[in-house]
Amino acid sequence: MDAKLLKKVQASKPASAGVIKTWARASQISPEMVGYSFGVHNGKTHVEITVSEEMVGHRLGEFSPTKKFIRHGGKMQKELESKRQASEIAAAKSAKESPAKAPAKKK
């Protein structure tokens, strides 16, 4: 664990600490850190993380992703999505045009 980060954690209480900003992504989460909120730097911004008991033993950087996943596929994926959207629109229009008729009431 980073010495500066440990000093900040020991000097404050979880309720009054606010967000503790850190660039030490390789720091291992210890039991003393449970309940604190950390702002872990991902290369661009600080991602806010509230430490829970399940996180003990992991690294801070695991909870602050550095890459943004867009999606796979390119041109083929766009064509598939447009076909799927067109079929959903057609199904909605057909359902709107011919509403289900209620059975006639018997006297």
Protein backbone atom coordinates (compact mmCIF):
# COMPACT_ATOMS: atom_id res chain seq x y z
CA MET A 1 0.00 0.00 0.00
CA ASP A 2 1.19 3.50 -0.78
CA ALA A 3 2.58 5.27 2.32
CA LYS A 4 0.96 8.63 1.52
CA LEU A 5 -2.40 6.97 0.97
CA LEU A 6 -2.14 5.05 4.25
CA LYS A 7 -1.34 8.29 6.07
CA LYS A 8 -4.44 9.99 4.59
CA VAL A 9 -6.65 7.05 5.60
CA GLN A 10 -5.34 6.96 9.17
CA ALA A 11 -5.70 10.73 9.59
CA SER A 12 -9.42 10.81 8.82
CA LYS A 13 -12.67 9.01 9.55
CA PRO A 14 -14.80 7.34 6.83
CA ALA A 15 -17.84 9.59 7.40
CA SER A 16 -15.95 12.90 7.29
CA ALA A 17 -13.18 12.05 4.83
CA GLY A 18 -15.00 12.85 1.60
CA VAL A 19 -13.27 11.61 -1.55
CA ILE A 20 -9.56 10.86 -1.20
CA LYS A 21 -7.93 11.43 -4.59
CA THR A 22 -5.11 9.09 -5.53
CA TRP A 23 -2.94 8.17 -8.48
CA ALA A 24 -1.67 5.01 -6.75
CA ARG A 25 -3.60 2.44 -8.79
CA ALA A 26 -1.27 -0.38 -7.70
CA SER A 27 -2.12 0.07 -4.01
CA GLN A 28 -3.72 -2.98 -2.45
CA ILE A 29 -6.97 -2.42 -0.58
CA SER A 30 -6.55 -3.16 3.12
CA PRO A 31 -9.25 -3.70 5.79
CA GLU A 32 -8.59 -0.20 7.20
CA MET A 33 -9.83 1.29 3.92
CA VAL A 34 -13.36 -0.18 4.14
CA GLY A 35 -15.99 2.57 4.11
CA TYR A 36 -13.78 5.25 2.55
CA SER A 37 -14.39 6.84 -0.86
CA PHE A 38 -11.43 7.10 -3.20
CA GLY A 39 -11.02 8.99 -6.44
CA VAL A 40 -8.79 6.64 -8.46
CA HIS A 41 -7.16 8.24 -11.51
CA ASN A 42 -7.75 6.40 -14.79
CA GLY A 43 -5.45 8.54 -16.93
CA LYS A 44 -8.02 11.23 -17.62
CA THR A 45 -10.30 11.69 -14.62
CA HIS A 46 -10.74 10.42 -11.09
CA VAL A 47 -13.31 7.60 -10.85
CA GLU A 48 -15.07 7.57 -7.47
CA ILE A 49 -14.98 4.22 -5.66
CA THR A 50 -16.47 3.38 -2.27
CA VAL A 51 -14.54 0.50 -0.73
CA SER A 52 -16.54 -2.45 0.61
CA GLU A 53 -15.43 -5.63 2.40
CA GLU A 54 -15.47 -7.67 -0.82
CA MET A 55 -12.78 -5.42 -2.32
CA VAL A 56 -10.15 -6.18 0.36
CA GLY A 57 -7.07 -7.76 -1.22
CA HIS A 58 -7.69 -6.29 -4.69
CA ARG A 59 -5.91 -3.31 -6.21
CA LEU A 60 -7.46 0.16 -6.55
CA GLY A 61 -6.80 0.19 -10.30
CA GLU A 62 -9.07 -2.82 -10.84
CA PHE A 63 -12.12 -0.67 -10.12
CA SER A 64 -11.14 2.24 -12.38
CA PRO A 65 -11.10 1.11 -16.04
CA THR A 66 -8.64 2.95 -18.29
CA LYS A 67 -10.21 2.06 -21.64
CA LYS A 68 -13.68 2.74 -22.96
CA PHE A 69 -15.28 -0.16 -24.81
CA ILE A 70 -17.21 1.10 -27.84
CA ARG A 71 -18.40 -2.12 -29.55
CA HIS A 72 -17.35 -4.71 -32.06
CA GLY A 73 -18.63 -5.21 -35.57
CA GLY A 74 -18.23 -2.17 -37.75
CA LYS A 75 -20.29 -2.22 -40.98
CA MET A 76 -21.76 -5.71 -40.56
CA GLN A 77 -22.94 -4.94 -37.02
CA LYS A 78 -24.62 -1.71 -38.15
CA GLU A 79 -26.51 -3.60 -40.89
CA LEU A 80 -27.70 -6.23 -38.43
CA GLU A 81 -28.84 -3.58 -35.97
CA SER A 82 -30.72 -1.62 -38.64
CA LYS A 83 -32.53 -4.81 -39.80
CA ARG A 84 -33.47 -5.65 -36.22
CA GLN A 85 -34.76 -2.13 -35.64
CA ALA A 86 -36.78 -2.19 -38.89
CA SER A 87 -38.41 -5.49 -37.92
CA GLU A 88 -39.32 -4.10 -34.48
CA ILE A 89 -40.90 -1.03 -36.09
CA ALA A 90 -42.87 -3.19 -38.52
CA ALA A 91 -44.13 -5.39 -35.70
CA ALA A 92 -45.21 -2.34 -33.71
CA LYS A 93 -47.07 -0.87 -36.69
CA SER A 94 -48.91 -4.12 -37.42
CA ALA A 95 -49.94 -4.43 -33.78
CA LYS A 96 -51.17 -0.86 -33.79
CA GLU A 97 -53.22 -1.24 -37.01
CA SER A 98 -55.06 -4.43 -36.04
CA PRO A 99 -55.88 -4.32 -32.34
CA ALA A 100 -57.15 -7.56 -30.85
CA LYS A 101 -60.92 -7.69 -30.83
CA ALA A 102 -62.62 -8.47 -27.56
CA PRO A 103 -65.04 -11.41 -27.62
CA ALA A 104 -68.72 -10.51 -27.77
CA LYS A 105 -70.59 -10.60 -24.48
CA LYS A 106 -73.40 -13.14 -24.12
CA LYS A 107 -76.79 -12.06 -22.91
